[in-house]
């Protein structure tokens, strides 16, 4: 979603794609809870993945925040007149 959204024509479109990433993070969090309850991961693997997910979501929050602060920029190809 991040890569696809970055190629859209505006920062607004990009931000919309980033909101989908929040949903993906929530899905992963749910899957981790299930894995933990069913003891599907060995050792502290669940804790490691949870920590990494939290870090990625913090980075995503910063990215969205910075995009909201910045001026809208279009990624259009130059035209010749």
C-alpha atoms as a PDB file:
ATOM      1  CA  UNK A   1       0.000   0.000   0.000  1.00  0.00           C
ATOM      2  CA  UNK A   2       2.806   2.434   0.784  1.00  0.00           C
ATOM      3  CA  UNK A   3       4.634   1.841  -2.494  1.00  0.00           C
ATOM      4  CA  UNK A   4       1.435   1.985  -4.538  1.00  0.00           C
ATOM      5  CA  UNK A   5       0.198   5.110  -2.783  1.00  0.00           C
ATOM      6  CA  UNK A   6       3.505   6.915  -3.245  1.00  0.00           C
ATOM      7  CA  UNK A   7       2.992   6.801  -7.013  1.00  0.00           C
ATOM      8  CA  UNK A   8      -0.420   8.472  -6.888  1.00  0.00           C
ATOM      9  CA  UNK A   9      -0.999  11.961  -8.219  1.00  0.00           C
ATOM     10  CA  UNK A  10      -1.314  13.770  -4.893  1.00  0.00           C
ATOM     11  CA  UNK A  11      -0.290  13.599  -1.277  1.00  0.00           C
ATOM     12  CA  UNK A  12      -3.965  13.308  -0.360  1.00  0.00           C
ATOM     13  CA  UNK A  13      -4.191  10.082  -2.374  1.00  0.00           C
ATOM     14  CA  UNK A  14      -0.980   8.889  -0.750  1.00  0.00           C
ATOM     15  CA  UNK A  15      -2.408   9.555   2.733  1.00  0.00           C
ATOM     16  CA  UNK A  16      -5.523   7.583   1.813  1.00  0.00           C
ATOM     17  CA  UNK A  17      -3.379   4.575   0.918  1.00  0.00           C
ATOM     18  CA  UNK A  18      -1.525   4.935   4.202  1.00  0.00           C
ATOM     19  CA  UNK A  19      -4.796   4.575   6.102  1.00  0.00           C
ATOM     20  CA  UNK A  20      -5.042   1.096   4.566  1.00  0.00           C
ATOM     21  CA  UNK A  21      -1.701   0.304   6.167  1.00  0.00           C
ATOM     22  CA  UNK A  22      -3.234   0.963   9.599  1.00  0.00           C
ATOM     23  CA  UNK A  23      -5.780  -1.735   8.803  1.00  0.00           C
ATOM     24  CA  UNK A  24      -3.045  -4.150   7.776  1.00  0.00           C
ATOM     25  CA  UNK A  25      -1.266  -3.477  11.053  1.00  0.00           C
ATOM     26  CA  UNK A  26      -4.459  -4.255  12.962  1.00  0.00           C
ATOM     27  CA  UNK A  27      -4.822  -7.518  11.023  1.00  0.00           C
ATOM     28  CA  UNK A  28      -1.287  -8.539  11.944  1.00  0.00           C
ATOM     29  CA  UNK A  29      -1.906  -7.625  15.567  1.00  0.00           C
ATOM     30  CA  UNK A  30      -4.998  -9.867  15.587  1.00  0.00           C
ATOM     31  CA  UNK A  31      -3.047 -12.736  14.037  1.00  0.00           C
ATOM     32  CA  UNK A  32      -0.347 -12.347  16.682  1.00  0.00           C
ATOM     33  CA  UNK A  33      -2.946 -12.539  19.449  1.00  0.00           C
ATOM     34  CA  UNK A  34      -4.275 -15.770  17.940  1.00  0.00           C
ATOM     35  CA  UNK A  35      -0.757 -17.202  17.597  1.00  0.00           C
ATOM     36  CA  UNK A  36      -0.032 -16.329  21.212  1.00  0.00           C
ATOM     37  CA  UNK A  37      -3.243 -17.940  22.517  1.00  0.00           C
ATOM     38  CA  UNK A  38      -2.616 -21.097  20.477  1.00  0.00           C
ATOM     39  CA  UNK A  39       1.112 -21.228  21.334  1.00  0.00           C
ATOM     40  CA  UNK A  40       2.021 -21.338  17.640  1.00  0.00           C
ATOM     41  CA  UNK A  41       5.267 -19.387  17.952  1.00  0.00           C
ATOM     42  CA  UNK A  42       8.345 -20.529  19.815  1.00  0.00           C
ATOM     43  CA  UNK A  43      10.131 -18.648  22.546  1.00  0.00           C
ATOM     44  CA  UNK A  44       9.742 -14.901  22.473  1.00  0.00           C
ATOM     45  CA  UNK A  45       8.929 -14.709  18.742  1.00  0.00           C
ATOM     46  CA  UNK A  46       5.534 -13.131  19.438  1.00  0.00           C
ATOM     47  CA  UNK A  47       7.114 -10.436  21.604  1.00  0.00           C
ATOM     48  CA  UNK A  48       9.702  -9.686  18.922  1.00  0.00           C
ATOM     49  CA  UNK A  49       7.082  -9.371  16.176  1.00  0.00           C
ATOM     50  CA  UNK A  50       4.849  -7.230  18.416  1.00  0.00           C
ATOM     51  CA  UNK A  51       7.773  -4.918  19.112  1.00  0.00           C
ATOM     52  CA  UNK A  52       8.586  -4.619  15.411  1.00  0.00           C
ATOM     53  CA  UNK A  53       4.941  -3.943  14.575  1.00  0.00           C
ATOM     54  CA  UNK A  54       4.798  -1.166  17.180  1.00  0.00           C
ATOM     55  CA  UNK A  55       7.941   0.379  15.697  1.00  0.00           C
ATOM     56  CA  UNK A  56       6.556   0.256  12.150  1.00  0.00           C
ATOM     57  CA  UNK A  57       3.251   1.778  13.260  1.00  0.00           C
ATOM     58  CA  UNK A  58       5.117   4.628  15.016  1.00  0.00           C
ATOM     59  CA  UNK A  59       7.046   5.290  11.801  1.00  0.00           C
ATOM     60  CA  UNK A  60       3.779   5.242   9.855  1.00  0.00           C
ATOM     61  CA  UNK A  61       2.259   7.763  12.266  1.00  0.00           C
ATOM     62  CA  UNK A  62       5.229  10.081  11.742  1.00  0.00           C
ATOM     63  CA  UNK A  63       4.974   9.721   7.963  1.00  0.00           C
ATOM     64  CA  UNK A  64       1.249  10.536   7.970  1.00  0.00           C
ATOM     65  CA  UNK A  65       1.844  13.470  10.309  1.00  0.00           C
ATOM     66  CA  UNK A  66       4.588  14.880   8.075  1.00  0.00           C
ATOM     67  CA  UNK A  67       2.418  14.487   4.985  1.00  0.00           C
ATOM     68  CA  UNK A  68      -0.410  16.376   6.663  1.00  0.00           C
ATOM     69  CA  UNK A  69       1.960  19.245   7.458  1.00  0.00           C
ATOM     70  CA  UNK A  70       3.463  19.468   3.989  1.00  0.00           C
ATOM     71  CA  UNK A  71       2.046  21.301   1.017  1.00  0.00           C
ATOM     72  CA  UNK A  72       0.245  19.107  -1.495  1.00  0.00           C
ATOM     73  CA  UNK A  73       2.545  18.096  -4.319  1.00  0.00           C
ATOM     74  CA  UNK A  74       1.520  16.443  -7.547  1.00  0.00           C
ATOM     75  CA  UNK A  75       3.653  13.755  -9.144  1.00  0.00           C
ATOM     76  CA  UNK A  76       2.660  14.450 -12.717  1.00  0.00           C
ATOM     77  CA  UNK A  77       4.828  14.137 -15.774  1.00  0.00           C
ATOM     78  CA  UNK A  78       6.039  17.373 -17.367  1.00  0.00           C
ATOM     79  CA  UNK A  79       4.166  18.522 -20.428  1.00  0.00           C
ATOM     80  CA  UNK A  80       5.437  20.229 -23.527  1.00  0.00           C
ATOM     81  CA  UNK A  81       3.555  23.170 -24.983  1.00  0.00           C
END
